[in-house]
Amino acid sequence: MQPRRHRVFPTSTSGFTLLEVLVALVIVGTALGASLRAVGSLTQNSSALRASMMASWSAENRLTQIRLAHDWPAVGKRSFDCPQGELQFICEEEVFATPNPFFRRVEVSVSDTLNPDRRIVKLTQVVPNG
């Protein structure tokens, strides 16, 4: 007696099932969403860093102006526009007397004109008389 043979149908192992394709699409979609979010965050951080750098330049410009002019600033507070490129800033200069009458402390704070209550940068310098 011969052993009975079962008929084996050829199976196709090439290609993907619908479920495998859907899982791959979900993974790729999630990765793309995370990438876009990261790029958006980097763009926001880049513009904030740029504004901070430009505000620092505005404050440094004013302090350098005082230093080079050998100016003896009057004690008090004043505000003025100090734009850098297309960014519009407001500089607030405050001059304080020091315990030594031959020196004054100058603080320059820079804010954005759109949000003047939020200070971007504040620099301080001691200025000698004469």
N, C-alpha and C. Protein backbone atom coordinates (compact mmCIF):
# COMPACT_ATOMS: atom_id res chain seq x y z
N MET A 1 0.82 -1.16 0.00
CA MET A 1 0.00 0.00 0.00
C MET A 1 0.88 1.24 0.00
N GLN A 2 0.55 2.08 -0.84
CA GLN A 2 1.30 3.34 -0.96
C GLN A 2 0.74 4.38 0.00
N PRO A 3 1.66 5.17 0.59
CA PRO A 3 1.15 6.22 1.47
C PRO A 3 0.36 7.24 0.67
N ARG A 4 -0.63 7.72 1.31
CA ARG A 4 -1.51 8.69 0.67
C ARG A 4 -0.83 10.05 0.62
N ARG A 5 -0.85 10.62 -0.49
CA ARG A 5 -0.22 11.94 -0.66
C ARG A 5 -1.29 13.01 -0.56
N HIS A 6 -0.91 14.04 0.19
CA HIS A 6 -1.81 15.19 0.27
C HIS A 6 -1.44 16.17 -0.82
N ARG A 7 -2.45 16.72 -1.33
CA ARG A 7 -2.19 17.74 -2.34
C ARG A 7 -1.77 19.02 -1.65
N VAL A 8 -0.68 19.56 -2.02
CA VAL A 8 -0.20 20.83 -1.46
C VAL A 8 -0.35 21.88 -2.54
N PHE A 9 -1.10 22.91 -2.17
CA PHE A 9 -1.28 24.00 -3.11
C PHE A 9 -0.11 24.95 -2.98
N PRO A 10 0.40 25.41 -4.06
CA PRO A 10 1.53 26.34 -3.96
C PRO A 10 1.07 27.64 -3.29
N THR A 11 1.86 28.11 -2.34
CA THR A 11 1.54 29.38 -1.67
C THR A 11 2.46 30.45 -2.20
N SER A 12 1.89 31.60 -2.29
CA SER A 12 2.67 32.74 -2.78
C SER A 12 3.22 33.48 -1.58
N THR A 13 4.52 33.60 -1.47
CA THR A 13 5.14 34.32 -0.34
C THR A 13 5.66 35.68 -0.76
N SER A 14 5.45 36.08 -1.97
CA SER A 14 5.91 37.40 -2.39
C SER A 14 4.81 38.41 -2.13
N GLY A 15 5.24 39.65 -1.76
CA GLY A 15 4.29 40.72 -1.52
C GLY A 15 3.94 40.84 -0.04
N PHE A 16 3.10 41.83 0.28
CA PHE A 16 2.71 42.11 1.65
C PHE A 16 1.20 41.95 1.79
N THR A 17 0.79 41.65 2.99
CA THR A 17 -0.65 41.61 3.25
C THR A 17 -1.13 43.03 3.49
N LEU A 18 -2.42 43.20 3.43
CA LEU A 18 -3.01 44.53 3.64
C LEU A 18 -2.70 45.02 5.05
N LEU A 19 -2.72 44.15 6.02
CA LEU A 19 -2.43 44.52 7.40
C LEU A 19 -0.99 45.02 7.55
N GLU A 20 -0.05 44.37 6.92
CA GLU A 20 1.34 44.80 6.98
C GLU A 20 1.52 46.18 6.35
N VAL A 21 0.84 46.42 5.26
CA VAL A 21 0.92 47.72 4.59
C VAL A 21 0.33 48.81 5.49
N LEU A 22 -0.80 48.54 6.13
CA LEU A 22 -1.43 49.54 7.01
C LEU A 22 -0.54 49.85 8.22
N VAL A 23 0.07 48.83 8.80
CA VAL A 23 0.97 49.05 9.93
C VAL A 23 2.17 49.90 9.49
N ALA A 24 2.72 49.61 8.34
CA ALA A 24 3.85 50.39 7.82
C ALA A 24 3.45 51.84 7.59
N LEU A 25 2.25 52.07 7.06
CA LEU A 25 1.77 53.44 6.82
C LEU A 25 1.59 54.19 8.13
N VAL A 26 1.09 53.53 9.16
CA VAL A 26 0.92 54.18 10.46
C VAL A 26 2.29 54.57 11.03
N ILE A 27 3.26 53.69 10.91
CA ILE A 27 4.61 53.98 11.42
C ILE A 27 5.23 55.15 10.66
N VAL A 28 5.14 55.14 9.36
CA VAL A 28 5.71 56.22 8.54
C VAL A 28 4.98 57.53 8.83
N GLY A 29 3.66 57.49 8.95
CA GLY A 29 2.89 58.71 9.25
C GLY A 29 3.27 59.30 10.60
N THR A 30 3.45 58.46 11.60
CA THR A 30 3.85 58.93 12.92
C THR A 30 5.24 59.55 12.88
N ALA A 31 6.15 58.92 12.17
CA ALA A 31 7.51 59.46 12.05
C ALA A 31 7.50 60.81 11.33
N LEU A 32 6.72 60.94 10.28
CA LEU A 32 6.64 62.21 9.56
C LEU A 32 6.03 63.30 10.42
N GLY A 33 5.00 62.96 11.18
CA GLY A 33 4.38 63.94 12.08
C GLY A 33 5.37 64.43 13.13
N ALA A 34 6.14 63.51 13.70
CA ALA A 34 7.14 63.91 14.69
C ALA A 34 8.23 64.77 14.06
N SER A 35 8.61 64.45 12.83
CA SER A 35 9.64 65.24 12.14
C SER A 35 9.16 66.66 11.88
N LEU A 36 7.92 66.81 11.43
CA LEU A 36 7.37 68.14 11.17
C LEU A 36 7.29 68.96 12.45
N ARG A 37 6.92 68.31 13.54
CA ARG A 37 6.84 69.01 14.82
C ARG A 37 8.22 69.48 15.26
N ALA A 38 9.22 68.64 15.07
CA ALA A 38 10.59 69.01 15.44
C ALA A 38 11.10 70.17 14.59
N VAL A 39 10.82 70.15 13.31
CA VAL A 39 11.25 71.23 12.42
C VAL A 39 10.56 72.54 12.81
N GLY A 40 9.29 72.48 13.15
CA GLY A 40 8.57 73.68 13.59
C GLY A 40 9.16 74.24 14.87
N SER A 41 9.51 73.37 15.79
CA SER A 41 10.12 73.80 17.04
C SER A 41 11.48 74.45 16.80
N LEU A 42 12.28 73.87 15.91
CA LEU A 42 13.58 74.44 15.58
C LEU A 42 13.44 75.82 14.94
N THR A 43 12.44 75.99 14.10
CA THR A 43 12.21 77.28 13.45
C THR A 43 11.85 78.34 14.48
N GLN A 44 10.98 77.99 15.44
CA GLN A 44 10.61 78.94 16.49
C GLN A 44 11.83 79.31 17.33
N ASN A 45 12.63 78.31 17.71
CA ASN A 45 13.82 78.58 18.51
C ASN A 45 14.81 79.44 17.75
N SER A 46 14.92 79.22 16.46
CA SER A 46 15.85 79.99 15.64
C SER A 46 15.45 81.46 15.62
N SER A 47 14.17 81.75 15.45
CA SER A 47 13.73 83.15 15.40
C SER A 47 13.88 83.81 16.77
N ALA A 48 13.66 83.06 17.85
CA ALA A 48 13.83 83.62 19.19
C ALA A 48 15.31 83.92 19.46
N LEU A 49 16.19 83.03 19.04
CA LEU A 49 17.62 83.28 19.21
C LEU A 49 18.09 84.47 18.39
N ARG A 50 17.53 84.60 17.20
CA ARG A 50 17.89 85.74 16.34
C ARG A 50 17.45 87.05 16.99
N ALA A 51 16.23 87.08 17.52
CA ALA A 51 15.74 88.29 18.18
C ALA A 51 16.59 88.62 19.41
N SER A 52 16.98 87.60 20.16
CA SER A 52 17.81 87.81 21.35
C SER A 52 19.17 88.37 20.96
N MET A 53 19.76 87.83 19.90
CA MET A 53 21.06 88.31 19.44
C MET A 53 20.96 89.77 18.97
N MET A 54 19.92 90.09 18.22
CA MET A 54 19.75 91.47 17.72
C MET A 54 19.49 92.44 18.87
N ALA A 55 18.74 92.00 19.88
CA ALA A 55 18.48 92.85 21.05
C ALA A 55 19.78 93.10 21.81
N SER A 56 20.61 92.08 21.92
CA SER A 56 21.92 92.25 22.58
C SER A 56 22.76 93.27 21.83
N TRP A 57 22.72 93.20 20.51
CA TRP A 57 23.47 94.18 19.71
C TRP A 57 22.98 95.59 19.96
N SER A 58 21.66 95.77 20.08
CA SER A 58 21.12 97.10 20.34
C SER A 58 21.61 97.64 21.68
N ALA A 59 21.57 96.80 22.71
CA ALA A 59 22.04 97.24 24.03
C ALA A 59 23.54 97.52 24.00
N GLU A 60 24.31 96.64 23.36
CA GLU A 60 25.76 96.86 23.27
C GLU A 60 26.08 98.13 22.49
N ASN A 61 25.31 98.42 21.45
CA ASN A 61 25.53 99.65 20.68
C ASN A 61 25.39 100.88 21.56
N ARG A 62 24.34 100.90 22.40
CA ARG A 62 24.12 102.07 23.26
C ARG A 62 25.23 102.20 24.29
N LEU A 63 25.63 101.08 24.91
CA LEU A 63 26.70 101.14 25.91
C LEU A 63 28.03 101.54 25.27
N THR A 64 28.29 101.08 24.07
CA THR A 64 29.51 101.47 23.36
C THR A 64 29.48 102.96 23.01
N GLN A 65 28.30 103.44 22.63
CA GLN A 65 28.13 104.86 22.32
C GLN A 65 28.51 105.72 23.53
N ILE A 66 28.02 105.34 24.70
CA ILE A 66 28.33 106.09 25.93
C ILE A 66 29.83 106.04 26.21
N ARG A 67 30.42 104.85 26.08
CA ARG A 67 31.83 104.67 26.38
C ARG A 67 32.73 105.47 25.42
N LEU A 68 32.41 105.43 24.12
CA LEU A 68 33.25 106.12 23.13
C LEU A 68 33.10 107.63 23.19
N ALA A 69 31.93 108.11 23.58
CA ALA A 69 31.70 109.56 23.67
C ALA A 69 32.26 110.14 24.96
N HIS A 70 32.76 109.26 25.85
CA HIS A 70 33.23 109.70 27.16
C HIS A 70 32.15 110.53 27.83
N ASP A 71 30.92 110.05 27.69
CA ASP A 71 29.73 110.74 28.19
C ASP A 71 29.57 110.48 29.68
N TRP A 72 29.15 111.47 30.43
CA TRP A 72 28.80 111.31 31.84
C TRP A 72 27.28 111.39 31.91
N PRO A 73 26.63 110.22 31.83
CA PRO A 73 25.16 110.23 31.73
C PRO A 73 24.50 110.73 33.02
N ALA A 74 23.42 111.44 32.85
CA ALA A 74 22.66 111.95 33.99
C ALA A 74 21.88 110.81 34.62
N VAL A 75 21.77 110.87 35.95
CA VAL A 75 21.01 109.85 36.67
C VAL A 75 19.54 109.97 36.26
N GLY A 76 18.94 108.83 35.97
CA GLY A 76 17.52 108.83 35.58
C GLY A 76 17.22 107.71 34.60
N LYS A 77 16.05 107.84 34.00
CA LYS A 77 15.55 106.79 33.12
C LYS A 77 15.03 107.42 31.84
N ARG A 78 15.32 106.76 30.70
CA ARG A 78 14.78 107.24 29.43
C ARG A 78 14.59 106.06 28.49
N SER A 79 13.66 106.22 27.56
CA SER A 79 13.39 105.18 26.55
C SER A 79 13.59 105.74 25.16
N PHE A 80 13.99 104.90 24.23
CA PHE A 80 14.17 105.31 22.85
C PHE A 80 14.08 104.09 21.95
N ASP A 81 13.77 104.32 20.69
CA ASP A 81 13.72 103.23 19.72
C ASP A 81 15.14 102.82 19.36
N CYS A 82 15.34 101.51 19.20
CA CYS A 82 16.67 101.01 18.82
C CYS A 82 16.49 99.81 17.88
N PRO A 83 16.03 100.06 16.65
CA PRO A 83 15.79 98.95 15.72
C PRO A 83 17.08 98.29 15.25
N GLN A 84 16.97 97.03 14.91
CA GLN A 84 18.07 96.27 14.31
C GLN A 84 17.50 95.57 13.08
N GLY A 85 17.89 96.03 11.91
CA GLY A 85 17.35 95.45 10.68
C GLY A 85 15.85 95.66 10.62
N GLU A 86 15.12 94.57 10.35
CA GLU A 86 13.66 94.69 10.27
C GLU A 86 13.00 94.51 11.63
N LEU A 87 13.78 94.21 12.68
CA LEU A 87 13.22 94.05 14.02
C LEU A 87 13.17 95.39 14.73
N GLN A 88 12.01 95.69 15.29
CA GLN A 88 11.80 96.95 15.99
C GLN A 88 11.89 96.71 17.49
N PHE A 89 12.81 97.41 18.15
CA PHE A 89 13.00 97.26 19.59
C PHE A 89 12.84 98.60 20.28
N ILE A 90 12.56 98.53 21.58
CA ILE A 90 12.55 99.71 22.45
C ILE A 90 13.64 99.50 23.49
N CYS A 91 14.56 100.45 23.58
CA CYS A 91 15.62 100.39 24.59
C CYS A 91 15.23 101.30 25.75
N GLU A 92 15.44 100.82 26.94
CA GLU A 92 15.20 101.61 28.14
C GLU A 92 16.52 101.71 28.89
N GLU A 93 17.00 102.93 29.03
CA GLU A 93 18.29 103.18 29.69
C GLU A 93 18.03 103.75 31.07
N GLU A 94 18.64 103.13 32.07
CA GLU A 94 18.50 103.62 33.44
C GLU A 94 19.90 103.82 34.01
N VAL A 95 20.13 105.03 34.54
CA VAL A 95 21.45 105.40 35.08
C VAL A 95 21.31 105.57 36.60
N PHE A 96 22.21 104.90 37.33
CA PHE A 96 22.19 104.95 38.79
C PHE A 96 23.50 105.53 39.30
N ALA A 97 23.41 106.25 40.41
CA ALA A 97 24.62 106.71 41.09
C ALA A 97 25.23 105.51 41.82
N THR A 98 26.54 105.54 42.01
CA THR A 98 27.22 104.47 42.74
C THR A 98 27.81 105.06 44.01
N PRO A 99 28.25 104.20 44.94
CA PRO A 99 28.89 104.74 46.15
C PRO A 99 30.12 105.58 45.85
N ASN A 100 30.80 105.27 44.76
CA ASN A 100 31.94 106.08 44.34
C ASN A 100 31.41 107.18 43.42
N PRO A 101 31.58 108.46 43.78
CA PRO A 101 31.00 109.54 42.97
C PRO A 101 31.62 109.69 41.59
N PHE A 102 32.71 108.99 41.31
CA PHE A 102 33.35 109.09 40.00
C PHE A 102 32.85 108.03 39.01
N PHE A 103 31.88 107.22 39.42
CA PHE A 103 31.34 106.17 38.55
C PHE A 103 29.81 106.19 38.58
N ARG A 104 29.24 105.78 37.47
CA ARG A 104 27.78 105.60 37.37
C ARG A 104 27.51 104.24 36.75
N ARG A 105 26.43 103.63 37.18
CA ARG A 105 26.03 102.33 36.61
C ARG A 105 24.91 102.58 35.59
N VAL A 106 25.12 102.06 34.38
CA VAL A 106 24.15 102.22 33.30
C VAL A 106 23.58 100.84 32.95
N GLU A 107 22.25 100.74 32.98
CA GLU A 107 21.57 99.51 32.59
C GLU A 107 20.73 99.79 31.35
N VAL A 108 20.89 98.95 30.33
CA VAL A 108 20.11 99.09 29.12
C VAL A 108 19.28 97.81 28.95
N SER A 109 17.95 97.97 28.95
CA SER A 109 17.03 96.85 28.74
C SER A 109 16.41 97.00 27.36
N VAL A 110 16.26 95.89 26.67
CA VAL A 110 15.68 95.91 25.32
C VAL A 110 14.43 95.05 25.30
N SER A 111 13.35 95.62 24.73
CA SER A 111 12.07 94.92 24.59
C SER A 111 11.60 95.02 23.16
N ASP A 112 10.72 94.12 22.79
CA ASP A 112 10.10 94.16 21.47
C ASP A 112 8.99 95.19 21.48
N THR A 113 8.81 95.92 20.39
CA THR A 113 7.76 96.94 20.34
C THR A 113 6.37 96.30 20.40
N LEU A 114 6.23 95.06 19.93
CA LEU A 114 4.93 94.38 19.97
C LEU A 114 4.58 93.91 21.38
N ASN A 115 5.58 93.66 22.20
CA ASN A 115 5.35 93.20 23.57
C ASN A 115 6.33 93.92 24.50
N PRO A 116 6.07 95.21 24.79
CA PRO A 116 7.04 96.00 25.55
C PRO A 116 7.21 95.55 27.00
N ASP A 117 6.28 94.78 27.54
CA ASP A 117 6.40 94.32 28.93
C ASP A 117 7.38 93.16 29.08
N ARG A 118 7.70 92.48 28.00
CA ARG A 118 8.60 91.34 28.05
C ARG A 118 10.00 91.78 27.63
N ARG A 119 10.91 91.79 28.59
CA ARG A 119 12.29 92.20 28.33
C ARG A 119 13.04 91.05 27.65
N ILE A 120 13.74 91.36 26.57
CA ILE A 120 14.51 90.34 25.85
C ILE A 120 15.90 90.22 26.46
N VAL A 121 16.53 91.36 26.71
CA VAL A 121 17.90 91.34 27.24
C VAL A 121 18.12 92.58 28.10
N LYS A 122 19.03 92.45 29.05
CA LYS A 122 19.40 93.59 29.91
C LYS A 122 20.91 93.54 30.12
N LEU A 123 21.60 94.63 29.78
CA LEU A 123 23.05 94.72 29.95
C LEU A 123 23.37 95.87 30.89
N THR A 124 24.43 95.69 31.67
CA THR A 124 24.85 96.69 32.64
C THR A 124 26.32 97.03 32.42
N GLN A 125 26.63 98.30 32.64
CA GLN A 125 28.01 98.76 32.48
C GLN A 125 28.27 99.88 33.51
N VAL A 126 29.48 99.93 34.02
CA VAL A 126 29.89 101.01 34.91
C VAL A 126 30.70 102.00 34.09
N VAL A 127 30.32 103.28 34.20
CA VAL A 127 30.94 104.34 33.39
C VAL A 127 31.72 105.28 34.30
N PRO A 128 32.99 105.53 33.98
CA PRO A 128 33.77 106.49 34.78
C PRO A 128 33.50 107.93 34.33
N ASN A 129 33.74 108.87 35.23
CA ASN A 129 33.59 110.28 34.87
C ASN A 129 34.89 110.77 34.25
N GLY A 130 34.78 111.20 33.00
CA GLY A 130 35.92 111.80 32.32
C GLY A 130 36.92 110.77 31.93
